[in-house]
Amino acid sequence: MSFKVFFKTVVFLVVLFVMLYVGLENRQSADFYFPVLQQKKYTTDAALIYYAMFAVGVLTGMVLTAGSGKGGRSKAPAKGDK
């Protein structure tokens, strides 16, 4: 395992811990209103709204970084090759 993969895993686990901690400490109700998608206002736990926004961010990051690998390049022919 490379250091880069290990570091990313540790950072992700720390972020998950912070999310869990915030969820445990914020048990009050909160209103969520997003008129672009739906006119209805939802009242739920603040931790659930926080988790949903975190999940959207993680999924967005995964989509934006998908396919950014360097594999699959073809080698250019040398000067003497035809």
C-alpha atoms as a PDB file:
ATOM      1  CA  MET A   1       0.000   0.000   0.000  1.00  0.00           C
ATOM      2  CA  SER A   2       1.383   3.364  -0.953  1.00  0.00           C
ATOM      3  CA  PHE A   3       1.606   6.275   1.433  1.00  0.00           C
ATOM      4  CA  LYS A   4      -0.814   8.287  -0.711  1.00  0.00           C
ATOM      5  CA  VAL A   5      -3.574   5.662  -0.385  1.00  0.00           C
ATOM      6  CA  PHE A   6      -2.938   5.322   3.351  1.00  0.00           C
ATOM      7  CA  PHE A   7      -3.065   9.103   3.839  1.00  0.00           C
ATOM      8  CA  LYS A   8      -6.314   9.424   1.869  1.00  0.00           C
ATOM      9  CA  THR A   9      -7.869   6.630   3.934  1.00  0.00           C
ATOM     10  CA  VAL A  10      -6.868   8.257   7.227  1.00  0.00           C
ATOM     11  CA  VAL A  11      -8.200  11.652   6.121  1.00  0.00           C
ATOM     12  CA  PHE A  12     -11.492  10.086   5.008  1.00  0.00           C
ATOM     13  CA  LEU A  13     -11.854   8.282   8.362  1.00  0.00           C
ATOM     14  CA  VAL A  14     -11.193  11.525  10.252  1.00  0.00           C
ATOM     15  CA  VAL A  15     -13.877  13.286   8.208  1.00  0.00           C
ATOM     16  CA  LEU A  16     -16.302  10.433   8.930  1.00  0.00           C
ATOM     17  CA  PHE A  17     -15.532  10.735  12.651  1.00  0.00           C
ATOM     18  CA  VAL A  18     -16.231  14.470  12.585  1.00  0.00           C
ATOM     19  CA  MET A  19     -19.516  13.790  10.786  1.00  0.00           C
ATOM     20  CA  LEU A  20     -20.470  11.197  13.396  1.00  0.00           C
ATOM     21  CA  TYR A  21     -19.568  13.553  16.249  1.00  0.00           C
ATOM     22  CA  VAL A  22     -21.586  16.418  14.780  1.00  0.00           C
ATOM     23  CA  GLY A  23     -24.509  14.045  14.292  1.00  0.00           C
ATOM     24  CA  LEU A  24     -24.384  12.914  17.912  1.00  0.00           C
ATOM     25  CA  GLU A  25     -24.281  16.473  19.239  1.00  0.00           C
ATOM     26  CA  ASN A  26     -26.979  17.997  16.988  1.00  0.00           C
ATOM     27  CA  ARG A  27     -30.191  16.216  17.871  1.00  0.00           C
ATOM     28  CA  GLN A  28     -32.524  19.192  17.497  1.00  0.00           C
ATOM     29  CA  SER A  29     -34.904  19.511  14.573  1.00  0.00           C
ATOM     30  CA  ALA A  30     -34.008  21.598  11.566  1.00  0.00           C
ATOM     31  CA  ASP A  31     -35.915  22.763   8.501  1.00  0.00           C
ATOM     32  CA  PHE A  32     -34.637  21.895   5.044  1.00  0.00           C
ATOM     33  CA  TYR A  33     -36.068  23.857   2.151  1.00  0.00           C
ATOM     34  CA  PHE A  34     -34.777  23.557  -1.425  1.00  0.00           C
ATOM     35  CA  PRO A  35     -37.325  25.197  -3.735  1.00  0.00           C
ATOM     36  CA  VAL A  36     -35.445  24.338  -6.935  1.00  0.00           C
ATOM     37  CA  LEU A  37     -36.357  20.646  -6.605  1.00  0.00           C
ATOM     38  CA  GLN A  38     -39.452  20.647  -4.407  1.00  0.00           C
ATOM     39  CA  GLN A  39     -41.669  23.264  -2.803  1.00  0.00           C
ATOM     40  CA  LYS A  40     -42.296  21.235   0.362  1.00  0.00           C
ATOM     41  CA  LYS A  41     -40.328  22.111   3.516  1.00  0.00           C
ATOM     42  CA  TYR A  42     -38.932  19.133   5.436  1.00  0.00           C
ATOM     43  CA  THR A  43     -38.398  19.141   9.196  1.00  0.00           C
ATOM     44  CA  THR A  44     -35.995  16.462  10.391  1.00  0.00           C
ATOM     45  CA  ASP A  45     -32.970  15.960  12.633  1.00  0.00           C
ATOM     46  CA  ALA A  46     -30.066  18.268  11.910  1.00  0.00           C
ATOM     47  CA  ALA A  47     -27.741  15.261  11.875  1.00  0.00           C
ATOM     48  CA  LEU A  48     -29.677  13.660   9.024  1.00  0.00           C
ATOM     49  CA  ILE A  49     -29.476  16.829   6.941  1.00  0.00           C
ATOM     50  CA  TYR A  50     -25.752  17.101   7.689  1.00  0.00           C
ATOM     51  CA  TYR A  51     -25.202  13.469   6.644  1.00  0.00           C
ATOM     52  CA  ALA A  52     -27.164  13.945   3.417  1.00  0.00           C
ATOM     53  CA  MET A  53     -25.125  17.014   2.445  1.00  0.00           C
ATOM     54  CA  PHE A  54     -21.896  15.140   3.253  1.00  0.00           C
ATOM     55  CA  ALA A  55     -22.992  12.202   1.086  1.00  0.00           C
ATOM     56  CA  VAL A  56     -23.793  14.524  -1.819  1.00  0.00           C
ATOM     57  CA  GLY A  57     -20.328  16.072  -1.475  1.00  0.00           C
ATOM     58  CA  VAL A  58     -18.584  12.693  -1.414  1.00  0.00           C
ATOM     59  CA  LEU A  59     -20.492  11.469  -4.461  1.00  0.00           C
ATOM     60  CA  THR A  60     -19.774  14.696  -6.324  1.00  0.00           C
ATOM     61  CA  GLY A  61     -16.071  14.374  -5.535  1.00  0.00           C
ATOM     62  CA  MET A  62     -16.051  10.783  -6.761  1.00  0.00           C
ATOM     63  CA  VAL A  63     -17.726  11.737 -10.033  1.00  0.00           C
ATOM     64  CA  LEU A  64     -15.353  14.659 -10.610  1.00  0.00           C
ATOM     65  CA  THR A  65     -12.227  12.561  -9.995  1.00  0.00           C
ATOM     66  CA  ALA A  66     -13.367   9.439 -11.878  1.00  0.00           C
ATOM     67  CA  GLY A  67     -11.210   8.587 -14.859  1.00  0.00           C
ATOM     68  CA  SER A  68      -8.359  10.905 -13.958  1.00  0.00           C
ATOM     69  CA  GLY A  69      -5.787   8.084 -14.088  1.00  0.00           C
ATOM     70  CA  LYS A  70      -2.760   8.175 -16.389  1.00  0.00           C
ATOM     71  CA  GLY A  71      -3.213   4.660 -17.792  1.00  0.00           C
ATOM     72  CA  GLY A  72      -4.137   3.802 -21.351  1.00  0.00           C
ATOM     73  CA  ARG A  73      -1.785   6.144 -23.196  1.00  0.00           C
ATOM     74  CA  SER A  74      -0.306   4.816 -26.390  1.00  0.00           C
ATOM     75  CA  LYS A  75       3.354   5.322 -27.105  1.00  0.00           C
ATOM     76  CA  ALA A  76       4.217   7.666 -29.951  1.00  0.00           C
ATOM     77  CA  PRO A  77       6.285   6.045 -32.704  1.00  0.00           C
ATOM     78  CA  ALA A  78       9.992   6.818 -32.739  1.00  0.00           C
ATOM     79  CA  LYS A  79      11.518   8.973 -35.495  1.00  0.00           C
ATOM     80  CA  GLY A  80      12.830   5.990 -37.440  1.00  0.00           C
ATOM     81  CA  ASP A  81       9.543   4.003 -37.317  1.00  0.00           C
ATOM     82  CA  LYS A  82       7.027   4.207 -40.148  1.00  0.00           C
END
